[in-house]
Protein backbone atom coordinates (compact mmCIF):
# COMPACT_ATOMS: atom_id res chain seq x y z
CA MET A 1 -40.98 10.45 55.18
CA ILE A 2 -39.13 10.47 51.86
CA VAL A 3 -38.72 14.30 52.02
CA GLU A 4 -37.17 14.00 55.49
CA ILE A 5 -34.76 11.33 54.34
CA LEU A 6 -33.68 13.43 51.38
CA VAL A 7 -33.13 16.45 53.63
CA LEU A 8 -31.03 14.36 56.02
CA VAL A 9 -28.96 13.00 53.10
CA LEU A 10 -28.45 16.56 51.73
CA LEU A 11 -27.32 17.78 55.17
CA ALA A 12 -25.01 14.81 55.54
CA LEU A 13 -23.49 15.58 52.10
CA CYS A 14 -23.05 19.27 52.99
CA LEU A 15 -21.39 18.35 56.25
CA ARG A 16 -19.03 15.91 54.52
CA TYR A 17 -18.16 18.48 51.88
CA TYR A 18 -17.52 21.13 54.56
CA ILE A 19 -15.27 18.83 56.59
CA LYS A 20 -13.24 17.80 53.53
CA PHE A 21 -12.92 21.38 52.38
CA ARG A 22 -11.65 22.49 55.77
CA GLN A 23 -9.08 19.68 55.74
CA ARG A 24 -7.93 20.61 52.21
CA MET A 25 -7.53 24.28 53.08
CA SER A 26 -6.05 23.72 56.54
CA PHE A 27 -2.62 24.94 55.28
CA ALA A 28 -4.20 28.35 54.59
CA LYS A 29 -6.23 28.69 57.73
CA ASP A 30 -4.30 31.79 58.83
CA MET A 31 -4.67 33.51 55.43
CA PRO A 32 -7.29 36.24 55.16
CA THR A 33 -10.29 35.39 53.02
CA ALA A 34 -11.54 37.54 50.13
CA GLN A 35 -14.81 39.24 50.90
CA PRO A 36 -17.80 38.89 50.67
CA CYS A 37 -17.59 35.17 51.57
CA TYR A 38 -20.55 33.02 52.59
CA PRO A 39 -20.79 29.51 54.21
CA LEU A 40 -20.65 26.57 51.74
CA VAL A 41 -20.53 28.79 48.55
CA GLY A 42 -17.65 31.08 49.51
CA ASN A 43 -17.21 33.86 46.97
CA LEU A 44 -19.52 32.32 44.42
CA LEU A 45 -22.26 34.92 44.75
CA SER A 46 -19.84 37.61 43.56
CA PHE A 47 -19.90 35.96 40.11
CA LEU A 48 -23.22 34.17 39.95
CA TRP A 49 -25.75 35.83 37.53
CA LYS A 50 -23.42 38.82 36.90
CA ASN A 51 -22.67 40.39 33.60
CA ASP A 52 -19.11 40.80 32.27
CA GLU A 53 -18.52 44.22 33.74
CA GLU A 54 -19.83 43.24 37.20
CA MET A 55 -17.63 40.13 37.26
CA PHE A 56 -14.60 42.15 36.16
CA ASP A 57 -15.29 44.74 38.97
CA ASN A 58 -15.66 41.98 41.54
CA VAL A 59 -12.33 40.31 40.45
CA GLN A 60 -10.68 43.74 40.82
CA HIS A 61 -12.24 44.18 44.27
CA ILE A 62 -10.92 40.73 45.39
CA MET A 63 -7.40 41.40 43.97
CA LYS A 64 -7.18 44.67 45.90
CA ASN A 65 -6.86 42.65 49.12
CA PRO A 66 -3.93 44.26 50.99
CA ALA A 67 -2.59 40.88 52.30
CA LYS A 68 0.45 39.41 50.55
CA LEU A 69 -1.43 36.08 50.25
CA PHE A 70 -5.16 35.54 50.55
CA LYS A 71 -7.64 32.79 49.77
CA ALA A 72 -10.89 32.74 47.84
CA TRP A 73 -13.20 29.94 46.94
CA MET A 74 -16.32 29.04 44.93
CA GLY A 75 -18.05 25.99 46.29
CA PRO A 76 -15.49 23.11 45.99
CA ILE A 77 -12.95 25.19 44.01
CA SER A 78 -10.35 27.09 46.05
CA PHE A 79 -7.74 29.66 45.05
CA ILE A 80 -4.72 31.37 46.58
CA GLY A 81 -4.37 34.96 45.36
CA THR A 82 -1.75 37.75 45.59
CA SER A 83 -1.14 41.20 44.17
CA ASP A 84 2.24 41.59 45.85
CA PRO A 85 5.08 41.83 43.28
CA ASP A 86 7.65 40.04 45.51
CA SER A 87 5.24 37.16 46.16
CA ILE A 88 4.41 36.88 42.43
CA ARG A 89 8.12 36.73 41.57
CA GLY A 90 8.69 34.10 44.21
CA ILE A 91 5.79 31.91 42.95
CA LEU A 92 6.70 32.26 39.27
CA THR A 93 10.38 31.39 39.84
CA HIS A 94 9.86 28.56 42.40
CA PRO A 95 10.73 25.09 40.88
CA HIS A 96 7.74 23.57 42.69
CA CYS A 97 5.26 26.00 41.23
CA ILE A 98 5.41 25.22 37.53
CA GLN A 99 2.52 22.75 37.31
CA LYS A 100 -0.45 24.39 35.62
CA PRO A 101 -3.78 24.61 37.48
CA TYR A 102 -6.92 23.11 36.12
CA ILE A 103 -8.08 26.22 34.30
CA TYR A 104 -5.37 25.70 31.67
CA ASP A 105 -7.31 22.56 30.64
CA PHE A 106 -9.95 24.87 29.29
CA PHE A 107 -7.62 26.07 26.53
CA LYS A 108 -7.39 22.45 25.21
CA ILE A 109 -3.70 22.74 24.37
CA ASP A 110 -1.95 19.67 25.67
CA PHE A 111 1.55 20.56 24.44
CA GLY A 112 3.66 23.67 24.23
CA LEU A 113 5.04 26.08 26.84
CA PHE A 114 1.66 27.74 27.51
CA ALA A 115 -0.38 24.90 28.92
CA ALA A 116 1.74 21.74 28.91
CA PRO A 117 2.21 19.67 32.11
CA SER A 118 5.32 20.34 34.06
CA ASN A 119 7.17 17.25 32.87
CA ILE A 120 6.78 18.39 29.24
CA TRP A 121 7.25 22.09 30.03
CA LYS A 122 10.63 21.51 31.60
CA VAL A 123 12.05 19.73 28.62
CA GLN A 124 10.70 22.20 26.09
CA ARG A 125 11.74 25.24 28.11
CA LYS A 126 15.28 23.92 28.51
CA ALA A 127 15.47 23.26 24.76
CA LEU A 128 14.34 26.84 24.04
CA ASN A 129 16.69 28.57 26.48
CA PRO A 130 19.27 29.43 23.75
CA SER A 131 16.52 31.13 21.70
CA PHE A 132 15.99 33.80 24.39
CA ASN A 133 19.50 35.12 24.74
CA HIS A 134 20.08 38.86 24.23
CA LYS A 135 21.94 38.57 20.93
CA ILE A 136 18.93 36.81 19.21
CA LEU A 137 16.47 39.19 20.74
CA TYR A 138 18.47 42.20 19.50
CA ARG A 139 18.13 40.80 15.99
CA PHE A 140 14.38 40.93 16.32
CA PHE A 141 14.19 44.67 17.17
CA PRO A 142 13.78 45.71 13.50
CA ILE A 143 10.86 43.25 13.21
CA PHE A 144 9.24 44.57 16.40
CA ASP A 145 9.77 48.13 15.14
CA ARG A 146 8.19 47.41 11.75
CA TYR A 147 5.04 45.85 13.11
CA ALA A 148 4.68 48.42 15.86
CA ARG A 149 4.71 51.15 13.27
CA LYS A 150 2.01 49.32 11.32
CA LEU A 151 -0.04 49.10 14.55
CA VAL A 152 0.30 52.83 15.06
CA GLU A 153 -0.72 53.47 11.43
CA ARG A 154 -3.93 51.43 11.87
CA LEU A 155 -4.75 53.16 15.08
CA LEU A 156 -4.27 56.63 13.48
CA GLN A 157 -6.89 55.70 10.88
CA ILE A 158 -9.56 55.51 13.56
CA PRO A 159 -11.58 58.67 14.19
CA GLU A 160 -10.81 60.35 17.55
CA ASP A 161 -14.34 60.08 18.85
CA CYS A 162 -14.65 56.39 17.97
CA GLU A 163 -14.63 53.74 20.67
CA VAL A 164 -12.54 50.67 19.71
CA GLN A 165 -11.54 47.29 21.21
CA ILE A 166 -7.79 47.75 21.44
CA THR A 167 -7.10 44.01 21.76
CA LYS A 168 -8.40 43.56 18.23
CA PHE A 169 -5.32 45.49 16.99
CA THR A 170 -2.72 44.42 19.53
CA THR A 171 -3.52 40.70 19.13
CA ARG A 172 -3.09 40.95 15.34
CA CYS A 173 0.25 42.81 15.87
CA THR A 174 1.41 40.14 18.35
CA VAL A 175 0.51 37.23 16.02
CA ALA A 176 2.37 38.89 13.18
CA MET A 177 5.44 39.45 15.32
CA VAL A 178 5.46 35.86 16.58
CA CYS A 179 5.21 34.43 13.10
CA ALA A 180 7.88 36.71 11.72
CA THR A 181 10.37 36.00 14.52
CA THR A 182 9.76 32.23 14.94
CA ILE A 183 8.98 30.92 11.45
CA GLY A 184 10.03 33.80 9.28
CA SER A 185 6.59 34.32 7.81
CA ASP A 186 5.03 37.69 7.13
CA ILE A 187 1.23 37.11 7.70
CA ASP A 188 0.34 40.71 8.42
CA GLU A 189 -1.02 41.33 4.96
CA ASP A 190 -3.02 38.06 5.00
CA ARG A 191 -6.69 38.87 5.02
CA ASP A 192 -7.38 35.94 7.41
CA THR A 193 -4.94 37.27 10.08
CA GLU A 194 -7.52 39.66 11.52
CA LYS A 195 -10.09 36.90 11.68
CA PHE A 196 -7.56 34.64 13.39
CA ALA A 197 -6.88 37.39 15.99
CA CYS A 198 -10.54 37.90 16.60
CA ASN A 199 -10.98 34.17 17.17
CA MET A 200 -8.13 34.09 19.62
CA ASN A 201 -9.66 37.01 21.56
CA GLY A 202 -13.03 35.30 21.50
CA ILE A 203 -11.62 32.00 22.83
CA LEU A 204 -9.75 33.86 25.65
CA GLU A 205 -12.91 35.68 26.60
CA LEU A 206 -14.96 32.47 26.71
CA VAL A 207 -12.31 30.73 28.82
CA ALA A 208 -12.20 33.68 31.20
CA LYS A 209 -15.92 33.55 31.69
CA ARG A 210 -15.83 29.84 32.21
CA CYS A 211 -13.17 30.14 34.94
CA LEU A 212 -15.62 32.35 36.96
CA ASN A 213 -18.63 30.05 36.52
CA LEU A 214 -18.74 27.12 38.88
CA PHE A 215 -21.17 25.10 36.70
CA THR A 216 -19.39 25.47 33.35
CA CYS A 217 -16.12 24.34 35.01
CA LEU A 218 -17.65 20.92 34.48
CA GLU A 219 -16.96 19.79 30.89
CA SER A 220 -20.21 17.78 30.75
CA ILE A 221 -22.28 20.83 31.54
CA TYR A 222 -20.20 23.28 29.41
CA LYS A 223 -20.83 21.06 26.33
CA LEU A 224 -24.53 21.77 26.62
CA THR A 225 -24.08 25.52 26.38
CA GLU A 226 -24.13 27.85 23.39
CA ALA A 227 -20.69 29.14 24.43
CA PHE A 228 -19.21 25.63 23.79
CA ARG A 229 -20.55 25.63 20.23
CA VAL A 230 -19.22 29.10 19.57
CA GLU A 231 -15.83 28.22 21.03
CA LYS A 232 -15.72 25.02 18.92
CA SER A 233 -16.35 27.01 15.74
CA MET A 234 -13.66 29.59 16.65
CA ARG A 235 -11.15 26.83 17.33
CA GLN A 236 -11.83 25.18 14.08
CA ASP A 237 -11.29 28.45 12.17
CA ALA A 238 -8.13 29.18 14.16
CA TRP A 239 -6.59 25.71 13.48
CA GLU A 240 -7.40 26.04 9.77
CA PHE A 241 -5.45 29.33 9.66
CA VAL A 242 -2.51 27.67 11.54
CA ASP A 243 -2.56 24.79 9.10
CA LYS A 244 -2.57 27.20 6.15
CA VAL A 245 0.43 29.18 7.49
CA THR A 246 2.35 25.95 8.30
CA CYS A 247 1.74 24.52 4.83
CA THR A 248 2.90 27.78 3.26
CA ILE A 249 6.15 27.69 5.25
CA PHE A 250 6.66 24.01 4.43
CA VAL A 251 6.25 24.64 0.69
CA LYS A 252 8.56 27.70 0.90
CA ASN A 253 11.30 25.69 2.65
CA VAL A 254 10.97 22.75 0.17
CA LYS A 255 11.42 25.17 -2.73
CA LYS A 256 14.43 26.68 -1.06
CA CYS A 257 16.01 23.31 -0.53
CA CYS A 258 15.36 22.35 -4.20
CA ARG A 259 17.09 25.56 -5.34
CA ILE A 260 20.07 24.83 -3.16
CA LEU A 261 20.34 21.20 -4.41
CA ALA A 262 19.99 22.45 -7.99
CA GLY A 263 22.99 24.69 -7.39
CA PHE A 264 25.17 21.64 -6.64
CA SER A 265 24.04 19.72 -9.67
């Protein structure tokens, strides 16, 4: 009797979930669905118990959908996808499409242009608009050129038959460019820069895996995994590096101000 009641409750919950899901996705009822798709779980089986390469191949397969807009879903989580350049441009430039989806919460960055809510993003983006004009960007070309040459030099030191992870080099180059152009700090020779770049790549990889796992999307479950502990350690190391660079710039600017004031005395 108890088993029968539990089965009926489970069926009732599944029916309720299905009805609510259909109502929520009614606006996309005419959109084609990414395949393979199964009742109740959607495209979840394309990513469940798959290794990194298999998940990457399945994402590629889904994104090759010829439709301008298509839908995909994993259990209660639904997505609208597109590979059409015109549709992508329309979405990215539409004023009603600037709110970040839930997956940005996984980066745990509440402020800044990357993951901030739309109300904060609008203010910060407007304030930074003058920093992106062509005249300022032209001034950065020598910096881009210098670090690009250093990147090429590092790559030329690798034996031709050696397999490398290119993001290890490109991330370090990008971080150095960002620091040189925004805060005027040359961190390329800092021995901790490479470790910071590796931590950033590691965090991005863990977040990407989490996005494709229905269970780890829940913070309470994710905190029980080894991936959470690894990510926490990476974040701590990354923030320590950021604090070190920030303190160095602060001290440098204080010394500069002292020299200027000394000149007036």
